[in-house]
Each structure stands twice: as C-alpha cells, then as structure tokens.
Amino acid sequence: MTNPRSSKLGTAIVTGAASGIGTVYADRHGETSPPYPHLADRLKAGDEMPLDEFPVIA
C-alpha cells in the first residue's frame, strides 16, 4: 500500500550519542556511525570520553 503523503514529505533522520558518568573509550577496530576518526588518535582504550563532544547526561 502506498502512502499518498509520502511524495510530499521529506525524510528526517536523527542520530544521537548519549553518555553517562564513567563512560570510557573502547577501540572497536572498525568504522563507527557517525565516524569519529580523530578519537582514535587522541584516546586509548579506557580513557574517559571527551566532554566537549559527549556531554554527560545525568
């Protein structure tokens, strides 16, 4: 069945990352979505996530 409004509306995609107290970096040896290639150069496994990019949600 076809939605008659689908041709009139665009598609919206929302991506988010949430972190809490004690969140640490883990190297997953692959591409992430969204990509953060600069973190691999800046962090090692077990380092706390940078608050400027991943604010704590409490």
N, C-alpha and C. Protein backbone atom coordinates (compact mmCIF):
# COMPACT_ATOMS: atom_id res chain seq x y z
N MET A 1 0.84 -1.17 0.00
CA MET A 1 0.00 0.00 0.00
C MET A 1 0.89 1.24 0.00
N THR A 2 0.56 2.22 -0.77
CA THR A 2 1.34 3.44 -0.89
C THR A 2 0.75 4.55 -0.04
N ASN A 3 1.61 5.26 0.66
CA ASN A 3 1.17 6.39 1.46
C ASN A 3 1.01 7.59 0.54
N PRO A 4 -0.17 8.18 0.42
CA PRO A 4 -0.39 9.29 -0.51
C PRO A 4 0.38 10.54 -0.12
N ARG A 5 0.78 10.67 1.14
CA ARG A 5 1.53 11.85 1.56
C ARG A 5 3.03 11.68 1.42
N SER A 6 3.51 10.48 1.15
CA SER A 6 4.94 10.22 1.15
C SER A 6 5.70 11.03 0.12
N SER A 7 5.10 11.32 -1.02
CA SER A 7 5.79 12.09 -2.04
C SER A 7 5.86 13.57 -1.68
N LYS A 8 5.07 14.03 -0.73
CA LYS A 8 5.05 15.44 -0.34
C LYS A 8 5.95 15.72 0.85
N LEU A 9 6.32 14.70 1.60
CA LEU A 9 7.12 14.88 2.81
C LEU A 9 8.53 14.38 2.60
N GLY A 10 9.47 15.05 3.23
CA GLY A 10 10.86 14.60 3.19
C GLY A 10 11.11 13.56 4.26
N THR A 11 12.30 13.07 4.29
CA THR A 11 12.70 12.10 5.29
C THR A 11 13.61 12.77 6.30
N ALA A 12 13.38 12.55 7.56
CA ALA A 12 14.22 13.11 8.62
C ALA A 12 14.90 11.97 9.36
N ILE A 13 16.20 12.13 9.56
CA ILE A 13 16.98 11.14 10.29
C ILE A 13 17.65 11.85 11.45
N VAL A 14 17.54 11.27 12.64
CA VAL A 14 18.15 11.85 13.82
C VAL A 14 19.14 10.84 14.40
N THR A 15 20.35 11.32 14.66
CA THR A 15 21.38 10.48 15.26
C THR A 15 21.84 11.16 16.53
N GLY A 16 22.03 10.38 17.57
CA GLY A 16 22.50 10.96 18.81
C GLY A 16 23.41 10.01 19.56
N ALA A 17 24.19 10.60 20.40
CA ALA A 17 25.05 9.80 21.26
C ALA A 17 24.84 10.29 22.68
N ALA A 18 24.57 9.39 23.57
CA ALA A 18 24.36 9.75 24.96
C ALA A 18 25.38 9.02 25.81
N SER A 19 25.86 9.69 26.81
CA SER A 19 26.82 9.05 27.71
C SER A 19 26.49 9.43 29.14
N GLY A 20 27.02 8.67 30.03
CA GLY A 20 26.79 8.92 31.45
C GLY A 20 28.12 9.00 32.17
N ILE A 21 28.07 9.16 33.45
CA ILE A 21 29.27 9.24 34.27
C ILE A 21 30.02 7.92 34.16
N GLY A 22 31.31 7.99 33.90
CA GLY A 22 32.14 6.79 33.83
C GLY A 22 32.23 6.19 32.43
N THR A 23 31.72 6.86 31.41
CA THR A 23 31.79 6.33 30.05
C THR A 23 33.22 6.45 29.55
N VAL A 24 33.74 5.35 29.01
CA VAL A 24 35.12 5.33 28.54
C VAL A 24 35.19 4.91 27.07
N TYR A 25 36.31 5.25 26.44
CA TYR A 25 36.55 4.93 25.05
C TYR A 25 36.94 3.46 24.90
N ALA A 26 36.41 2.82 23.87
CA ALA A 26 36.79 1.45 23.54
C ALA A 26 37.06 1.39 22.05
N ASP A 27 38.23 0.89 21.67
CA ASP A 27 38.58 0.76 20.25
C ASP A 27 37.84 -0.44 19.69
N ARG A 28 36.98 -0.20 18.70
CA ARG A 28 36.15 -1.28 18.15
C ARG A 28 36.74 -1.83 16.85
N HIS A 29 37.88 -1.34 16.41
CA HIS A 29 38.55 -1.83 15.20
C HIS A 29 37.64 -1.85 13.99
N GLY A 30 36.93 -0.78 13.78
CA GLY A 30 36.06 -0.69 12.62
C GLY A 30 35.47 0.70 12.54
N GLU A 31 34.72 0.96 11.49
CA GLU A 31 34.10 2.26 11.30
C GLU A 31 32.86 2.39 12.17
N THR A 32 32.73 3.53 12.81
CA THR A 32 31.54 3.80 13.62
C THR A 32 30.61 4.73 12.86
N SER A 33 29.40 4.80 13.31
CA SER A 33 28.44 5.70 12.68
C SER A 33 27.76 6.51 13.77
N PRO A 34 27.95 7.82 13.78
CA PRO A 34 28.79 8.59 12.89
C PRO A 34 30.27 8.33 13.17
N PRO A 35 31.13 8.61 12.17
CA PRO A 35 32.55 8.34 12.35
C PRO A 35 33.23 9.37 13.26
N TYR A 36 34.14 8.91 14.07
CA TYR A 36 34.95 9.77 14.93
C TYR A 36 36.42 9.37 14.77
N PRO A 37 37.00 9.51 13.57
CA PRO A 37 38.37 9.05 13.36
C PRO A 37 39.40 9.77 14.22
N HIS A 38 39.13 11.01 14.59
CA HIS A 38 40.07 11.78 15.40
C HIS A 38 40.17 11.26 16.83
N LEU A 39 39.19 10.51 17.30
CA LEU A 39 39.27 9.97 18.65
C LEU A 39 40.31 8.86 18.76
N ALA A 40 40.49 8.09 17.72
CA ALA A 40 41.48 7.01 17.74
C ALA A 40 42.89 7.58 17.90
N ASP A 41 43.12 8.79 17.38
CA ASP A 41 44.43 9.43 17.51
C ASP A 41 44.60 10.08 18.89
N ARG A 42 43.49 10.41 19.53
CA ARG A 42 43.51 11.18 20.77
C ARG A 42 43.33 10.33 22.03
N LEU A 43 42.65 9.20 21.91
CA LEU A 43 42.31 8.40 23.09
C LEU A 43 42.86 6.98 22.99
N LYS A 44 43.08 6.38 24.13
CA LYS A 44 43.40 4.96 24.18
C LYS A 44 42.30 4.25 24.96
N ALA A 45 42.19 2.97 24.82
CA ALA A 45 41.14 2.21 25.49
C ALA A 45 41.14 2.48 26.98
N GLY A 46 39.96 2.81 27.52
CA GLY A 46 39.82 3.08 28.94
C GLY A 46 39.84 4.56 29.30
N ASP A 47 40.24 5.43 28.35
CA ASP A 47 40.23 6.87 28.61
C ASP A 47 38.78 7.36 28.71
N GLU A 48 38.55 8.35 29.56
CA GLU A 48 37.22 8.95 29.65
C GLU A 48 36.89 9.66 28.34
N MET A 49 35.62 9.63 27.97
CA MET A 49 35.19 10.29 26.74
C MET A 49 35.29 11.80 26.91
N PRO A 50 35.69 12.52 25.84
CA PRO A 50 35.81 13.98 25.94
C PRO A 50 34.45 14.65 26.10
N LEU A 51 34.30 15.43 27.14
CA LEU A 51 33.02 16.07 27.44
C LEU A 51 32.61 17.11 26.39
N ASP A 52 33.57 17.66 25.65
CA ASP A 52 33.22 18.64 24.63
C ASP A 52 32.44 18.00 23.48
N GLU A 53 32.61 16.70 23.28
CA GLU A 53 31.88 16.00 22.21
C GLU A 53 30.78 15.08 22.74
N PHE A 54 30.94 14.60 23.97
CA PHE A 54 29.98 13.67 24.57
C PHE A 54 29.62 14.17 25.96
N PRO A 55 28.74 15.17 26.04
CA PRO A 55 28.37 15.70 27.35
C PRO A 55 27.66 14.65 28.20
N VAL A 56 27.86 14.72 29.50
CA VAL A 56 27.23 13.78 30.42
C VAL A 56 25.75 14.11 30.55
N ILE A 57 24.93 13.09 30.43
CA ILE A 57 23.50 13.22 30.62
C ILE A 57 23.16 12.51 31.92
N ALA A 58 22.77 13.29 32.90
CA ALA A 58 22.51 12.69 34.20
C ALA A 58 21.04 12.74 34.54
